[in-house]
PDB file of N, CA and C in Angstrom:
ATOM      1  N   MET A   1      21.535 -55.063 -84.183  1.00  0.00           N
ATOM      2  CA  MET A   1      21.775 -55.136 -82.749  1.00  0.00           C
ATOM      3  C   MET A   1      22.284 -56.534 -82.401  1.00  0.00           C
ATOM      4  N   ASN A   2      23.168 -56.602 -81.464  1.00  0.00           N
ATOM      5  CA  ASN A   2      23.737 -57.855 -80.997  1.00  0.00           C
ATOM      6  C   ASN A   2      22.664 -58.725 -80.347  1.00  0.00           C
ATOM      7  N   LYS A   3      22.625 -60.008 -80.737  1.00  0.00           N
ATOM      8  CA  LYS A   3      21.603 -60.908 -80.183  1.00  0.00           C
ATOM      9  C   LYS A   3      21.743 -61.054 -78.679  1.00  0.00           C
ATOM     10  N   GLU A   4      22.975 -61.096 -78.183  1.00  0.00           N
ATOM     11  CA  GLU A   4      23.197 -61.213 -76.738  1.00  0.00           C
ATOM     12  C   GLU A   4      22.638 -60.014 -75.989  1.00  0.00           C
ATOM     13  N   ALA A   5      22.691 -58.855 -76.606  1.00  0.00           N
ATOM     14  CA  ALA A   5      22.199 -57.642 -75.953  1.00  0.00           C
ATOM     15  C   ALA A   5      20.689 -57.661 -75.788  1.00  0.00           C
ATOM     16  N   THR A   6      19.972 -58.399 -76.627  1.00  0.00           N
ATOM     17  CA  THR A   6      18.507 -58.418 -76.550  1.00  0.00           C
ATOM     18  C   THR A   6      17.980 -59.609 -75.764  1.00  0.00           C
ATOM     19  N   THR A   7      18.842 -60.534 -75.371  1.00  0.00           N
ATOM     20  CA  THR A   7      18.405 -61.716 -74.633  1.00  0.00           C
ATOM     21  C   THR A   7      18.160 -61.350 -73.182  1.00  0.00           C
ATOM     22  N   LYS A   8      17.037 -61.778 -72.650  1.00  0.00           N
ATOM     23  CA  LYS A   8      16.697 -61.515 -71.251  1.00  0.00           C
ATOM     24  C   LYS A   8      16.449 -62.825 -70.539  1.00  0.00           C
ATOM     25  N   LEU A   9      16.716 -62.817 -69.249  1.00  0.00           N
ATOM     26  CA  LEU A   9      16.449 -64.001 -68.447  1.00  0.00           C
ATOM     27  C   LEU A   9      14.956 -64.164 -68.242  1.00  0.00           C
ATOM     28  N   SER A  10      14.520 -65.388 -68.091  1.00  0.00           N
ATOM     29  CA  SER A  10      13.109 -65.642 -67.819  1.00  0.00           C
ATOM     30  C   SER A  10      12.979 -66.835 -66.886  1.00  0.00           C
ATOM     31  N   VAL A  11      11.801 -67.003 -66.372  1.00  0.00           N
ATOM     32  CA  VAL A  11      11.515 -68.099 -65.451  1.00  0.00           C
ATOM     33  C   VAL A  11      10.326 -68.874 -66.013  1.00  0.00           C
ATOM     34  N   THR A  12      10.432 -70.179 -65.973  1.00  0.00           N
ATOM     35  CA  THR A  12       9.335 -71.024 -66.427  1.00  0.00           C
ATOM     36  C   THR A  12       8.967 -71.985 -65.308  1.00  0.00           C
ATOM     37  N   ALA A  13       7.689 -72.109 -65.057  1.00  0.00           N
ATOM     38  CA  ALA A  13       7.194 -73.062 -64.054  1.00  0.00           C
ATOM     39  C   ALA A  13       6.023 -73.816 -64.671  1.00  0.00           C
ATOM     40  N   TYR A  14       5.864 -75.050 -64.259  1.00  0.00           N
ATOM     41  CA  TYR A  14       4.773 -75.840 -64.807  1.00  0.00           C
ATOM     42  C   TYR A  14       4.403 -76.953 -63.833  1.00  0.00           C
ATOM     43  N   ILE A  15       3.245 -77.513 -64.052  1.00  0.00           N
ATOM     44  CA  ILE A  15       2.792 -78.674 -63.298  1.00  0.00           C
ATOM     45  C   ILE A  15       2.745 -79.829 -64.287  1.00  0.00           C
ATOM     46  N   PRO A  16       3.520 -80.862 -64.043  1.00  0.00           N
ATOM     47  CA  PRO A  16       3.509 -81.980 -65.002  1.00  0.00           C
ATOM     48  C   PRO A  16       2.237 -82.825 -64.854  1.00  0.00           C
ATOM     49  N   TYR A  17       1.628 -83.149 -65.956  1.00  0.00           N
ATOM     50  CA  TYR A  17       0.468 -84.045 -65.997  1.00  0.00           C
ATOM     51  C   TYR A  17       0.814 -85.199 -66.918  1.00  0.00           C
ATOM     52  N   SER A  18       0.381 -86.383 -66.569  1.00  0.00           N
ATOM     53  CA  SER A  18       0.577 -87.515 -67.475  1.00  0.00           C
ATOM     54  C   SER A  18      -0.682 -87.671 -68.323  1.00  0.00           C
ATOM     55  N   CYS A  19      -0.505 -88.138 -69.498  1.00  0.00           N
ATOM     56  CA  CYS A  19      -1.660 -88.357 -70.392  1.00  0.00           C
ATOM     57  C   CYS A  19      -2.611 -89.403 -69.817  1.00  0.00           C
ATOM     58  N   GLU A  20      -2.040 -90.355 -69.087  1.00  0.00           N
ATOM     59  CA  GLU A  20      -2.868 -91.431 -68.519  1.00  0.00           C
ATOM     60  C   GLU A  20      -3.714 -90.959 -67.332  1.00  0.00           C
ATOM     61  N   GLN A  21      -3.251 -89.930 -66.635  1.00  0.00           N
ATOM     62  CA  GLN A  21      -3.969 -89.463 -65.441  1.00  0.00           C
ATOM     63  C   GLN A  21      -4.210 -87.965 -65.505  1.00  0.00           C
ATOM     64  N   MET A  22      -4.799 -87.515 -66.583  1.00  0.00           N
ATOM     65  CA  MET A  22      -5.081 -86.099 -66.755  1.00  0.00           C
ATOM     66  C   MET A  22      -6.167 -85.666 -65.770  1.00  0.00           C
ATOM     67  N   PRO A  23      -5.941 -84.543 -65.045  1.00  0.00           N
ATOM     68  CA  PRO A  23      -6.957 -84.102 -64.081  1.00  0.00           C
ATOM     69  C   PRO A  23      -8.215 -83.575 -64.781  1.00  0.00           C
ATOM     70  N   LEU A  24      -9.243 -83.429 -63.998  1.00  0.00           N
ATOM     71  CA  LEU A  24     -10.494 -82.869 -64.504  1.00  0.00           C
ATOM     72  C   LEU A  24     -10.308 -81.388 -64.826  1.00  0.00           C
ATOM     73  N   GLU A  25     -11.220 -80.859 -65.615  1.00  0.00           N
ATOM     74  CA  GLU A  25     -11.176 -79.459 -66.028  1.00  0.00           C
ATOM     75  C   GLU A  25     -11.108 -78.519 -64.815  1.00  0.00           C
ATOM     76  N   GLU A  26     -11.877 -78.814 -63.773  1.00  0.00           N
ATOM     77  CA  GLU A  26     -11.893 -77.963 -62.581  1.00  0.00           C
ATOM     78  C   GLU A  26     -10.504 -77.893 -61.939  1.00  0.00           C
ATOM     79  N   GLN A  27      -9.820 -79.037 -61.882  1.00  0.00           N
ATOM     80  CA  GLN A  27      -8.474 -79.070 -61.301  1.00  0.00           C
ATOM     81  C   GLN A  27      -7.491 -78.292 -62.177  1.00  0.00           C
ATOM     82  N   LEU A  28      -7.629 -78.421 -63.462  1.00  0.00           N
ATOM     83  CA  LEU A  28      -6.767 -77.669 -64.376  1.00  0.00           C
ATOM     84  C   LEU A  28      -6.959 -76.159 -64.191  1.00  0.00           C
ATOM     85  N   GLN A  29      -8.208 -75.749 -64.017  1.00  0.00           N
ATOM     86  CA  GLN A  29      -8.480 -74.326 -63.802  1.00  0.00           C
ATOM     87  C   GLN A  29      -7.876 -73.846 -62.481  1.00  0.00           C
ATOM     88  N   ARG A  30      -8.022 -74.658 -61.421  1.00  0.00           N
ATOM     89  CA  ARG A  30      -7.427 -74.288 -60.121  1.00  0.00           C
ATOM     90  C   ARG A  30      -5.909 -74.204 -60.231  1.00  0.00           C
ATOM     91  N   ASP A  31      -5.331 -75.161 -60.927  1.00  0.00           N
ATOM     92  CA  ASP A  31      -3.875 -75.149 -61.106  1.00  0.00           C
ATOM     93  C   ASP A  31      -3.423 -73.912 -61.878  1.00  0.00           C
ATOM     94  N   LEU A  32      -4.169 -73.571 -62.919  1.00  0.00           N
ATOM     95  CA  LEU A  32      -3.840 -72.376 -63.699  1.00  0.00           C
ATOM     96  C   LEU A  32      -3.932 -71.120 -62.832  1.00  0.00           C
ATOM     97  N   GLN A  33      -4.976 -71.018 -62.033  1.00  0.00           N
ATOM     98  CA  GLN A  33      -5.119 -69.867 -61.140  1.00  0.00           C
ATOM     99  C   GLN A  33      -3.958 -69.798 -60.147  1.00  0.00           C
ATOM    100  N   GLN A  34      -3.572 -70.947 -59.605  1.00  0.00           N
ATOM    101  CA  GLN A  34      -2.461 -70.986 -58.652  1.00  0.00           C
ATOM    102  C   GLN A  34      -1.143 -70.588 -59.322  1.00  0.00           C
ATOM    103  N   MET A  35      -0.903 -71.098 -60.505  1.00  0.00           N
ATOM    104  CA  MET A  35       0.326 -70.747 -61.221  1.00  0.00           C
ATOM    105  C   MET A  35       0.348 -69.259 -61.569  1.00  0.00           C
ATOM    106  N   THR A  36      -0.807 -68.706 -61.890  1.00  0.00           N
ATOM    107  CA  THR A  36      -0.895 -67.278 -62.165  1.00  0.00           C
ATOM    108  C   THR A  36      -0.557 -66.474 -60.916  1.00  0.00           C
ATOM    109  N   ARG A  37      -1.058 -66.900 -59.753  1.00  0.00           N
ATOM    110  CA  ARG A  37      -0.718 -66.224 -58.485  1.00  0.00           C
ATOM    111  C   ARG A  37       0.777 -66.320 -58.206  1.00  0.00           C
ATOM    112  N   TYR A  38       1.349 -67.494 -58.429  1.00  0.00           N
ATOM    113  CA  TYR A  38       2.803 -67.653 -58.242  1.00  0.00           C
ATOM    114  C   TYR A  38       3.567 -66.663 -59.116  1.00  0.00           C
ATOM    115  N   TYR A  39       3.156 -66.564 -60.367  1.00  0.00           N
ATOM    116  CA  TYR A  39       3.823 -65.655 -61.295  1.00  0.00           C
ATOM    117  C   TYR A  39       3.669 -64.200 -60.846  1.00  0.00           C
ATOM    118  N   GLU A  40       2.476 -63.807 -60.447  1.00  0.00           N
ATOM    119  CA  GLU A  40       2.249 -62.434 -59.985  1.00  0.00           C
ATOM    120  C   GLU A  40       3.094 -62.134 -58.751  1.00  0.00           C
ATOM    121  N   ASN A  41       3.159 -63.081 -57.825  1.00  0.00           N
ATOM    122  CA  ASN A  41       3.993 -62.893 -56.629  1.00  0.00           C
ATOM    123  C   ASN A  41       5.462 -62.781 -57.000  1.00  0.00           C
ATOM    124  N   TYR A  42       5.891 -63.606 -57.930  1.00  0.00           N
ATOM    125  CA  TYR A  42       7.282 -63.576 -58.369  1.00  0.00           C
ATOM    126  C   TYR A  42       7.630 -62.234 -59.006  1.00  0.00           C
ATOM    127  N   THR A  43       6.791 -61.759 -59.929  1.00  0.00           N
ATOM    128  CA  THR A  43       7.089 -60.495 -60.596  1.00  0.00           C
ATOM    129  C   THR A  43       7.043 -59.331 -59.617  1.00  0.00           C
ATOM    130  N   GLU A  44       6.137 -59.376 -58.652  1.00  0.00           N
ATOM    131  CA  GLU A  44       6.086 -58.323 -57.632  1.00  0.00           C
ATOM    132  C   GLU A  44       7.364 -58.337 -56.798  1.00  0.00           C
ATOM    133  N   LEU A  45       7.795 -59.509 -56.410  1.00  0.00           N
ATOM    134  CA  LEU A  45       9.020 -59.643 -55.631  1.00  0.00           C
ATOM    135  C   LEU A  45      10.221 -59.115 -56.411  1.00  0.00           C
ATOM    136  N   LYS A  46      10.346 -59.514 -57.671  1.00  0.00           N
ATOM    137  CA  LYS A  46      11.464 -59.059 -58.498  1.00  0.00           C
ATOM    138  C   LYS A  46      11.421 -57.547 -58.688  1.00  0.00           C
ATOM    139  N   THR A  47      10.244 -56.985 -58.878  1.00  0.00           N
ATOM    140  CA  THR A  47      10.114 -55.540 -59.042  1.00  0.00           C
ATOM    141  C   THR A  47      10.547 -54.821 -57.776  1.00  0.00           C
ATOM    142  N   ASN A  48      10.118 -55.317 -56.625  1.00  0.00           N
ATOM    143  CA  ASN A  48      10.496 -54.693 -55.357  1.00  0.00           C
ATOM    144  C   ASN A  48      11.993 -54.783 -55.124  1.00  0.00           C
ATOM    145  N   ILE A  49      12.605 -55.902 -55.476  1.00  0.00           N
ATOM    146  CA  ILE A  49      14.048 -56.063 -55.302  1.00  0.00           C
ATOM    147  C   ILE A  49      14.785 -55.078 -56.196  1.00  0.00           C
ATOM    148  N   LYS A  50      14.359 -54.952 -57.447  1.00  0.00           N
ATOM    149  CA  LYS A  50      15.021 -54.024 -58.359  1.00  0.00           C
ATOM    150  C   LYS A  50      14.886 -52.590 -57.874  1.00  0.00           C
ATOM    151  N   GLN A  51      13.708 -52.218 -57.375  1.00  0.00           N
ATOM    152  CA  GLN A  51      13.520 -50.874 -56.853  1.00  0.00           C
ATOM    153  C   GLN A  51      14.411 -50.655 -55.644  1.00  0.00           C
ATOM    154  N   SER A  52      14.508 -51.652 -54.786  1.00  0.00           N
ATOM    155  CA  SER A  52      15.349 -51.557 -53.603  1.00  0.00           C
ATOM    156  C   SER A  52      16.814 -51.418 -53.989  1.00  0.00           C
ATOM    157  N   GLU A  53      17.255 -52.228 -54.955  1.00  0.00           N
ATOM    158  CA  GLU A  53      18.639 -52.139 -55.419  1.00  0.00           C
ATOM    159  C   GLU A  53      18.908 -50.774 -56.011  1.00  0.00           C
ATOM    160  N   HIS A  54      17.963 -50.263 -56.803  1.00  0.00           N
ATOM    161  CA  HIS A  54      18.121 -48.951 -57.427  1.00  0.00           C
ATOM    162  C   HIS A  54      18.192 -47.870 -56.355  1.00  0.00           C
ATOM    163  N   THR A  55      17.325 -47.946 -55.373  1.00  0.00           N
ATOM    164  CA  THR A  55      17.329 -46.963 -54.289  1.00  0.00           C
ATOM    165  C   THR A  55      18.641 -47.032 -53.532  1.00  0.00           C
ATOM    166  N   SER A  56      19.107 -48.229 -53.229  1.00  0.00           N
ATOM    167  CA  SER A  56      20.371 -48.394 -52.528  1.00  0.00           C
ATOM    168  C   SER A  56      21.508 -47.807 -53.352  1.00  0.00           C
ATOM    169  N   TYR A  57      21.496 -48.062 -54.640  1.00  0.00           N
ATOM    170  CA  TYR A  57      22.525 -47.536 -55.528  1.00  0.00           C
ATOM    171  C   TYR A  57      22.506 -46.008 -55.506  1.00  0.00           C
ATOM    172  N   LYS A  58      21.302 -45.441 -55.600  1.00  0.00           N
ATOM    173  CA  LYS A  58      21.191 -43.981 -55.564  1.00  0.00           C
ATOM    174  C   LYS A  58      21.696 -43.427 -54.237  1.00  0.00           C
ATOM    175  N   ASN A  59      21.378 -44.118 -53.140  1.00  0.00           N
ATOM    176  CA  ASN A  59      21.859 -43.658 -51.831  1.00  0.00           C
ATOM    177  C   ASN A  59      23.372 -43.700 -51.745  1.00  0.00           C
ATOM    178  N   ILE A  60      23.972 -44.746 -52.291  1.00  0.00           N
ATOM    179  CA  ILE A  60      25.430 -44.860 -52.274  1.00  0.00           C
ATOM    180  C   ILE A  60      26.062 -43.733 -53.079  1.00  0.00           C
ATOM    181  N   ILE A  61      25.544 -43.489 -54.270  1.00  0.00           N
ATOM    182  CA  ILE A  61      26.074 -42.416 -55.118  1.00  0.00           C
ATOM    183  C   ILE A  61      25.926 -41.069 -54.417  1.00  0.00           C
ATOM    184  N   HIS A  62      24.775 -40.829 -53.818  1.00  0.00           N
ATOM    185  CA  HIS A  62      24.560 -39.581 -53.088  1.00  0.00           C
ATOM    186  C   HIS A  62      25.567 -39.441 -51.948  1.00  0.00           C
ATOM    187  N   HIS A  63      25.786 -40.516 -51.215  1.00  0.00           N
ATOM    188  CA  HIS A  63      26.734 -40.494 -50.101  1.00  0.00           C
ATOM    189  C   HIS A  63      28.148 -40.178 -50.598  1.00  0.00           C
ATOM    190  N   ILE A  64      28.546 -40.802 -51.709  1.00  0.00           N
ATOM    191  CA  ILE A  64      29.887 -40.558 -52.252  1.00  0.00           C
ATOM    192  C   ILE A  64      30.036 -39.096 -52.654  1.00  0.00           C
ATOM    193  N   HIS A  65      29.029 -38.564 -53.346  1.00  0.00           N
ATOM    194  CA  HIS A  65      29.118 -37.178 -53.801  1.00  0.00           C
ATOM    195  C   HIS A  65      29.090 -36.203 -52.635  1.00  0.00           C
ATOM    196  N   SER A  66      28.281 -36.480 -51.636  1.00  0.00           N
ATOM    197  CA  SER A  66      28.241 -35.565 -50.489  1.00  0.00           C
ATOM    198  C   SER A  66      29.554 -35.637 -49.707  1.00  0.00           C
ATOM    199  N   ALA A  67      30.166 -36.819 -49.629  1.00  0.00           N
ATOM    200  CA  ALA A  67      31.459 -36.945 -48.953  1.00  0.00           C
ATOM    201  C   ALA A  67      32.531 -36.185 -49.723  1.00  0.00           C
ATOM    202  N   LYS A  68      32.480 -36.244 -51.048  1.00  0.00           N
ATOM    203  CA  LYS A  68      33.436 -35.483 -51.863  1.00  0.00           C
ATOM    204  C   LYS A  68      33.285 -33.990 -51.611  1.00  0.00           C
ATOM    205  N   LYS A  69      32.030 -33.526 -51.578  1.00  0.00           N
ATOM    206  CA  LYS A  69      31.782 -32.100 -51.353  1.00  0.00           C
ATOM    207  C   LYS A  69      32.296 -31.672 -49.981  1.00  0.00           C
ATOM    208  N   ARG A  70      32.045 -32.505 -48.962  1.00  0.00           N
ATOM    209  CA  ARG A  70      32.526 -32.178 -47.620  1.00  0.00           C
ATOM    210  C   ARG A  70      34.057 -32.124 -47.609  1.00  0.00           C
ATOM    211  N   SER A  71      34.679 -33.053 -48.286  1.00  0.00           N
ATOM    212  CA  SER A  71      36.122 -33.115 -48.347  1.00  0.00           C
ATOM    213  C   SER A  71      36.678 -31.869 -49.045  1.00  0.00           C
ATOM    214  N   LEU A  72      36.055 -31.474 -50.126  1.00  0.00           N
ATOM    215  CA  LEU A  72      36.507 -30.277 -50.842  1.00  0.00           C
ATOM    216  C   LEU A  72      36.321 -29.027 -49.992  1.00  0.00           C
ATOM    217  N   ASN A  73      35.209 -28.941 -49.273  1.00  0.00           N
ATOM    218  CA  ASN A  73      34.952 -27.790 -48.413  1.00  0.00           C
ATOM    219  C   ASN A  73      35.992 -27.709 -47.295  1.00  0.00           C
ATOM    220  N   ILE A  74      36.365 -28.841 -46.723  1.00  0.00           N
ATOM    221  CA  ILE A  74      37.362 -28.872 -45.647  1.00  0.00           C
ATOM    222  C   ILE A  74      38.715 -28.432 -46.208  1.00  0.00           C
ATOM    223  N   GLN A  75      39.078 -28.913 -47.394  1.00  0.00           N
ATOM    224  CA  GLN A  75      40.354 -28.559 -47.993  1.00  0.00           C
ATOM    225  C   GLN A  75      40.412 -27.067 -48.309  1.00  0.00           C
ATOM    226  N   ARG A  76      39.317 -26.489 -48.789  1.00  0.00           N
ATOM    227  CA  ARG A  76      39.278 -25.065 -49.128  1.00  0.00           C
ATOM    228  C   ARG A  76      39.377 -24.196 -47.886  1.00  0.00           C
ATOM    229  N   SER A  77      38.776 -24.622 -46.801  1.00  0.00           N
ATOM    230  CA  SER A  77      38.786 -23.799 -45.593  1.00  0.00           C
ATOM    231  C   SER A  77      40.118 -23.887 -44.842  1.00  0.00           C
ATOM    232  N   SER A  78      40.957 -24.871 -45.167  1.00  0.00           N
ATOM    233  CA  SER A  78      42.238 -25.034 -44.475  1.00  0.00           C
ATOM    234  C   SER A  78      43.263 -24.078 -44.974  1.00  0.00           C
TER     235      SER A  78
END
């Protein structure tokens, strides 16, 4: 299989920490929880957008096909 065909886009987010000023364990846990929420919100948003795009695409295709059928019916009745 082509390597390009299997490559997918991804998103990476992080909070930079310096070795000299590393936060306490509690802060690291809060940051991890927050980053996890960000990721969950992001994936939910992307999923909803894809579903919306798919629905819109299906509606467009349906509209085109129904317009074709109407056009054919008008031509046959003339």
